[in-house]
N, C-alpha and C. Protein backbone atom coordinates (compact mmCIF):
# COMPACT_ATOMS: atom_id res chain seq x y z
N MET A 1 70.16 -78.08 30.01
CA MET A 1 71.05 -78.89 29.18
C MET A 1 72.46 -78.81 29.75
N ASP A 2 73.09 -79.95 29.94
CA ASP A 2 74.45 -79.91 30.47
C ASP A 2 75.46 -79.69 29.34
N ASP A 3 76.70 -79.44 29.74
CA ASP A 3 77.75 -79.13 28.77
C ASP A 3 77.98 -80.27 27.78
N GLY A 4 77.89 -81.52 28.24
CA GLY A 4 78.08 -82.65 27.35
C GLY A 4 77.03 -82.70 26.24
N THR A 5 75.79 -82.40 26.59
CA THR A 5 74.73 -82.37 25.59
C THR A 5 74.95 -81.21 24.63
N ASP A 6 75.36 -80.08 25.15
CA ASP A 6 75.64 -78.93 24.29
C ASP A 6 76.74 -79.26 23.29
N LEU A 7 77.80 -79.94 23.75
CA LEU A 7 78.89 -80.31 22.85
C LEU A 7 78.40 -81.26 21.78
N GLU A 8 77.58 -82.25 22.15
CA GLU A 8 77.07 -83.20 21.16
C GLU A 8 76.17 -82.51 20.14
N THR A 9 75.36 -81.58 20.59
CA THR A 9 74.51 -80.83 19.67
C THR A 9 75.36 -80.02 18.70
N ARG A 10 76.38 -79.37 19.22
CA ARG A 10 77.30 -78.61 18.37
C ARG A 10 77.99 -79.52 17.37
N ARG A 11 78.45 -80.66 17.83
CA ARG A 11 79.13 -81.60 16.94
C ARG A 11 78.21 -82.04 15.81
N ARG A 12 76.97 -82.38 16.13
CA ARG A 12 76.02 -82.81 15.09
C ARG A 12 75.76 -81.69 14.09
N ARG A 13 75.61 -80.47 14.58
CA ARG A 13 75.35 -79.32 13.71
C ARG A 13 76.55 -79.06 12.79
N LEU A 14 77.76 -79.14 13.35
CA LEU A 14 78.96 -78.91 12.55
C LEU A 14 79.20 -80.05 11.56
N LEU A 15 78.86 -81.27 11.93
CA LEU A 15 78.97 -82.38 10.99
C LEU A 15 78.04 -82.16 9.81
N TYR A 16 76.82 -81.75 10.08
CA TYR A 16 75.87 -81.47 9.01
C TYR A 16 76.41 -80.38 8.08
N ARG A 17 76.90 -79.31 8.67
CA ARG A 17 77.45 -78.21 7.87
C ARG A 17 78.66 -78.65 7.07
N SER A 18 79.40 -79.64 7.55
CA SER A 18 80.57 -80.15 6.85
C SER A 18 80.18 -80.96 5.62
N VAL A 19 79.14 -81.74 5.75
CA VAL A 19 78.73 -82.65 4.68
C VAL A 19 77.95 -81.92 3.59
N TYR A 20 77.23 -80.89 3.94
CA TYR A 20 76.37 -80.18 2.98
C TYR A 20 76.85 -78.76 2.75
N ARG A 21 78.00 -78.64 2.12
CA ARG A 21 78.62 -77.34 1.84
C ARG A 21 78.10 -76.74 0.54
N GLY A 22 77.80 -77.58 -0.44
CA GLY A 22 77.40 -77.08 -1.74
C GLY A 22 78.50 -77.25 -2.78
N ASN A 23 79.71 -77.48 -2.33
CA ASN A 23 80.85 -77.73 -3.21
C ASN A 23 81.23 -79.19 -2.98
N LYS A 24 81.09 -80.02 -4.02
CA LYS A 24 81.25 -81.47 -3.86
C LYS A 24 82.60 -81.85 -3.24
N GLU A 25 83.67 -81.23 -3.70
CA GLU A 25 84.99 -81.56 -3.17
C GLU A 25 85.06 -81.30 -1.67
N ASN A 26 84.54 -80.15 -1.25
CA ASN A 26 84.58 -79.82 0.18
C ASN A 26 83.57 -80.65 0.97
N ASP A 27 82.45 -81.03 0.35
CA ASP A 27 81.51 -81.94 1.02
C ASP A 27 82.24 -83.22 1.42
N ILE A 28 83.01 -83.76 0.48
CA ILE A 28 83.74 -85.01 0.72
C ILE A 28 84.85 -84.79 1.75
N LEU A 29 85.69 -83.80 1.51
CA LEU A 29 86.82 -83.54 2.40
C LEU A 29 86.37 -83.23 3.82
N LEU A 30 85.52 -82.22 3.95
CA LEU A 30 85.11 -81.79 5.29
C LEU A 30 84.20 -82.82 5.96
N GLY A 31 83.37 -83.50 5.17
CA GLY A 31 82.51 -84.53 5.74
C GLY A 31 83.31 -85.67 6.33
N GLN A 32 84.28 -86.18 5.57
CA GLN A 32 85.11 -87.27 6.08
C GLN A 32 85.97 -86.81 7.26
N PHE A 33 86.51 -85.60 7.17
CA PHE A 33 87.31 -85.07 8.27
C PHE A 33 86.47 -84.96 9.54
N ALA A 34 85.27 -84.40 9.41
CA ALA A 34 84.41 -84.23 10.58
C ALA A 34 84.03 -85.58 11.18
N ARG A 35 83.68 -86.54 10.33
CA ARG A 35 83.33 -87.87 10.84
C ARG A 35 84.50 -88.50 11.61
N ALA A 36 85.72 -88.26 11.13
CA ALA A 36 86.90 -88.85 11.74
C ALA A 36 87.33 -88.14 13.02
N HIS A 37 87.10 -86.84 13.13
CA HIS A 37 87.71 -86.08 14.22
C HIS A 37 86.76 -85.33 15.14
N ILE A 38 85.59 -84.98 14.67
CA ILE A 38 84.76 -84.05 15.45
C ILE A 38 84.33 -84.62 16.80
N GLY A 39 84.21 -85.94 16.89
CA GLY A 39 83.83 -86.56 18.16
C GLY A 39 84.84 -86.37 19.27
N SER A 40 86.07 -86.13 18.90
CA SER A 40 87.12 -85.94 19.92
C SER A 40 87.42 -84.46 20.16
N PHE A 41 86.79 -83.58 19.41
CA PHE A 41 87.04 -82.14 19.58
C PHE A 41 86.37 -81.63 20.85
N GLY A 42 87.13 -80.85 21.61
CA GLY A 42 86.59 -80.13 22.75
C GLY A 42 86.11 -78.76 22.30
N THR A 43 85.79 -77.94 23.25
CA THR A 43 85.25 -76.61 22.95
C THR A 43 86.19 -75.77 22.09
N THR A 44 87.47 -75.76 22.42
CA THR A 44 88.43 -74.95 21.67
C THR A 44 88.51 -75.40 20.21
N GLU A 45 88.60 -76.71 19.99
CA GLU A 45 88.68 -77.23 18.63
C GLU A 45 87.38 -76.99 17.87
N LEU A 46 86.24 -77.13 18.56
CA LEU A 46 84.96 -76.86 17.90
C LEU A 46 84.87 -75.39 17.49
N ASP A 47 85.36 -74.50 18.35
CA ASP A 47 85.38 -73.07 18.00
C ASP A 47 86.22 -72.84 16.75
N GLN A 48 87.39 -73.45 16.70
CA GLN A 48 88.27 -73.29 15.53
C GLN A 48 87.62 -73.87 14.28
N TYR A 49 87.00 -75.03 14.41
CA TYR A 49 86.37 -75.68 13.26
C TYR A 49 85.17 -74.87 12.77
N GLU A 50 84.42 -74.32 13.71
CA GLU A 50 83.27 -73.50 13.33
C GLU A 50 83.72 -72.26 12.56
N ARG A 51 84.80 -71.63 13.01
CA ARG A 51 85.33 -70.47 12.27
C ARG A 51 85.80 -70.90 10.88
N LEU A 52 86.41 -72.07 10.80
CA LEU A 52 86.85 -72.58 9.50
C LEU A 52 85.65 -72.77 8.57
N LEU A 53 84.55 -73.31 9.07
CA LEU A 53 83.38 -73.53 8.23
C LEU A 53 82.72 -72.23 7.78
N GLU A 54 83.03 -71.14 8.45
CA GLU A 54 82.51 -69.84 8.02
C GLU A 54 83.30 -69.28 6.84
N THR A 55 84.42 -69.91 6.52
CA THR A 55 85.27 -69.51 5.41
C THR A 55 84.69 -70.05 4.11
N GLY A 56 84.90 -69.35 3.03
CA GLY A 56 84.39 -69.77 1.73
C GLY A 56 85.01 -71.07 1.25
N ASP A 57 84.23 -71.84 0.50
CA ASP A 57 84.70 -73.12 -0.03
C ASP A 57 85.97 -72.99 -0.85
N ASN A 58 86.05 -71.98 -1.68
CA ASN A 58 87.23 -71.82 -2.54
C ASN A 58 88.49 -71.59 -1.71
N ASP A 59 88.38 -70.78 -0.66
CA ASP A 59 89.55 -70.54 0.20
C ASP A 59 90.00 -71.83 0.87
N ILE A 60 89.07 -72.57 1.45
CA ILE A 60 89.42 -73.83 2.11
C ILE A 60 90.09 -74.78 1.14
N PHE A 61 89.50 -74.94 -0.04
CA PHE A 61 90.05 -75.86 -1.04
C PHE A 61 91.45 -75.42 -1.47
N ASP A 62 91.63 -74.12 -1.68
CA ASP A 62 92.94 -73.61 -2.10
C ASP A 62 94.00 -73.82 -1.02
N TRP A 63 93.64 -73.64 0.24
CA TRP A 63 94.60 -73.85 1.33
C TRP A 63 94.99 -75.31 1.42
N VAL A 64 94.00 -76.19 1.39
CA VAL A 64 94.26 -77.62 1.55
C VAL A 64 95.04 -78.18 0.36
N SER A 65 94.75 -77.68 -0.83
CA SER A 65 95.44 -78.18 -2.02
C SER A 65 96.78 -77.51 -2.25
N GLY A 66 97.10 -76.49 -1.44
CA GLY A 66 98.38 -75.81 -1.56
C GLY A 66 98.41 -74.73 -2.63
N LYS A 67 97.25 -74.38 -3.17
CA LYS A 67 97.19 -73.35 -4.21
C LYS A 67 97.29 -71.94 -3.64
N ALA A 68 97.03 -71.82 -2.35
CA ALA A 68 97.10 -70.51 -1.70
C ALA A 68 97.69 -70.68 -0.30
N GLU A 69 98.38 -69.64 0.13
CA GLU A 69 98.96 -69.64 1.47
C GLU A 69 97.86 -69.35 2.50
N VAL A 70 97.95 -70.02 3.62
CA VAL A 70 96.97 -69.83 4.70
C VAL A 70 97.29 -68.53 5.41
N PRO A 71 96.32 -67.62 5.51
CA PRO A 71 96.57 -66.38 6.26
C PRO A 71 96.76 -66.68 7.75
N ALA A 72 97.53 -65.87 8.42
CA ALA A 72 97.87 -66.09 9.83
C ALA A 72 96.62 -66.25 10.70
N GLU A 73 95.59 -65.47 10.45
CA GLU A 73 94.39 -65.53 11.29
C GLU A 73 93.60 -66.83 11.12
N ALA A 74 93.84 -67.54 10.03
CA ALA A 74 93.13 -68.81 9.78
C ALA A 74 93.97 -70.02 10.17
N ASP A 75 95.24 -69.81 10.46
CA ASP A 75 96.17 -70.90 10.75
C ASP A 75 95.97 -71.39 12.18
N THR A 76 95.17 -72.45 12.32
CA THR A 76 94.86 -73.01 13.63
C THR A 76 95.28 -74.48 13.65
N PRO A 77 95.38 -75.06 14.83
CA PRO A 77 95.68 -76.49 14.90
C PRO A 77 94.65 -77.35 14.15
N VAL A 78 93.40 -76.95 14.18
CA VAL A 78 92.37 -77.72 13.47
C VAL A 78 92.57 -77.63 11.95
N LEU A 79 92.92 -76.47 11.44
CA LEU A 79 93.19 -76.35 10.01
C LEU A 79 94.41 -77.19 9.64
N ARG A 80 95.42 -77.17 10.47
CA ARG A 80 96.61 -77.98 10.18
C ARG A 80 96.27 -79.47 10.19
N GLN A 81 95.37 -79.86 11.08
CA GLN A 81 94.90 -81.25 11.11
C GLN A 81 94.15 -81.57 9.81
N LEU A 82 93.32 -80.66 9.36
CA LEU A 82 92.59 -80.85 8.10
C LEU A 82 93.56 -80.96 6.93
N MET A 83 94.56 -80.12 6.91
CA MET A 83 95.52 -80.13 5.81
C MET A 83 96.33 -81.44 5.77
N ALA A 84 96.51 -82.08 6.92
CA ALA A 84 97.23 -83.36 6.98
C ALA A 84 96.31 -84.55 6.71
N PHE A 85 95.01 -84.31 6.74
CA PHE A 85 94.03 -85.38 6.57
C PHE A 85 93.99 -85.83 5.12
N ARG A 86 93.83 -87.12 4.93
CA ARG A 86 93.74 -87.69 3.59
C ARG A 86 92.39 -88.36 3.43
N VAL A 87 91.69 -87.96 2.39
CA VAL A 87 90.37 -88.53 2.07
C VAL A 87 90.55 -89.94 1.54
N SER A 88 89.67 -90.83 1.94
CA SER A 88 89.72 -92.19 1.40
C SER A 88 88.48 -92.45 0.56
N PHE A 89 88.70 -93.09 -0.56
CA PHE A 89 87.59 -93.40 -1.49
C PHE A 89 87.37 -94.88 -1.54
């Protein structure tokens, strides 16, 4: 398998994990964000996004909604991109 195929497989897996979180708000937010951005993510961004998806739903929601401060170890360019993203209904 070449690197391009590996990246596409990773993107599909991360998109699935984004859409099916179990928390409806994060399903919508992360699903739309992933659909909009994951195709352009390289390895570094995919690594950051994967670490973000390992974070609990409540933490992600609190960071994005401004209810909690983002800890330094979670503050990545991908999280900042997510925080600037606006869901469309």
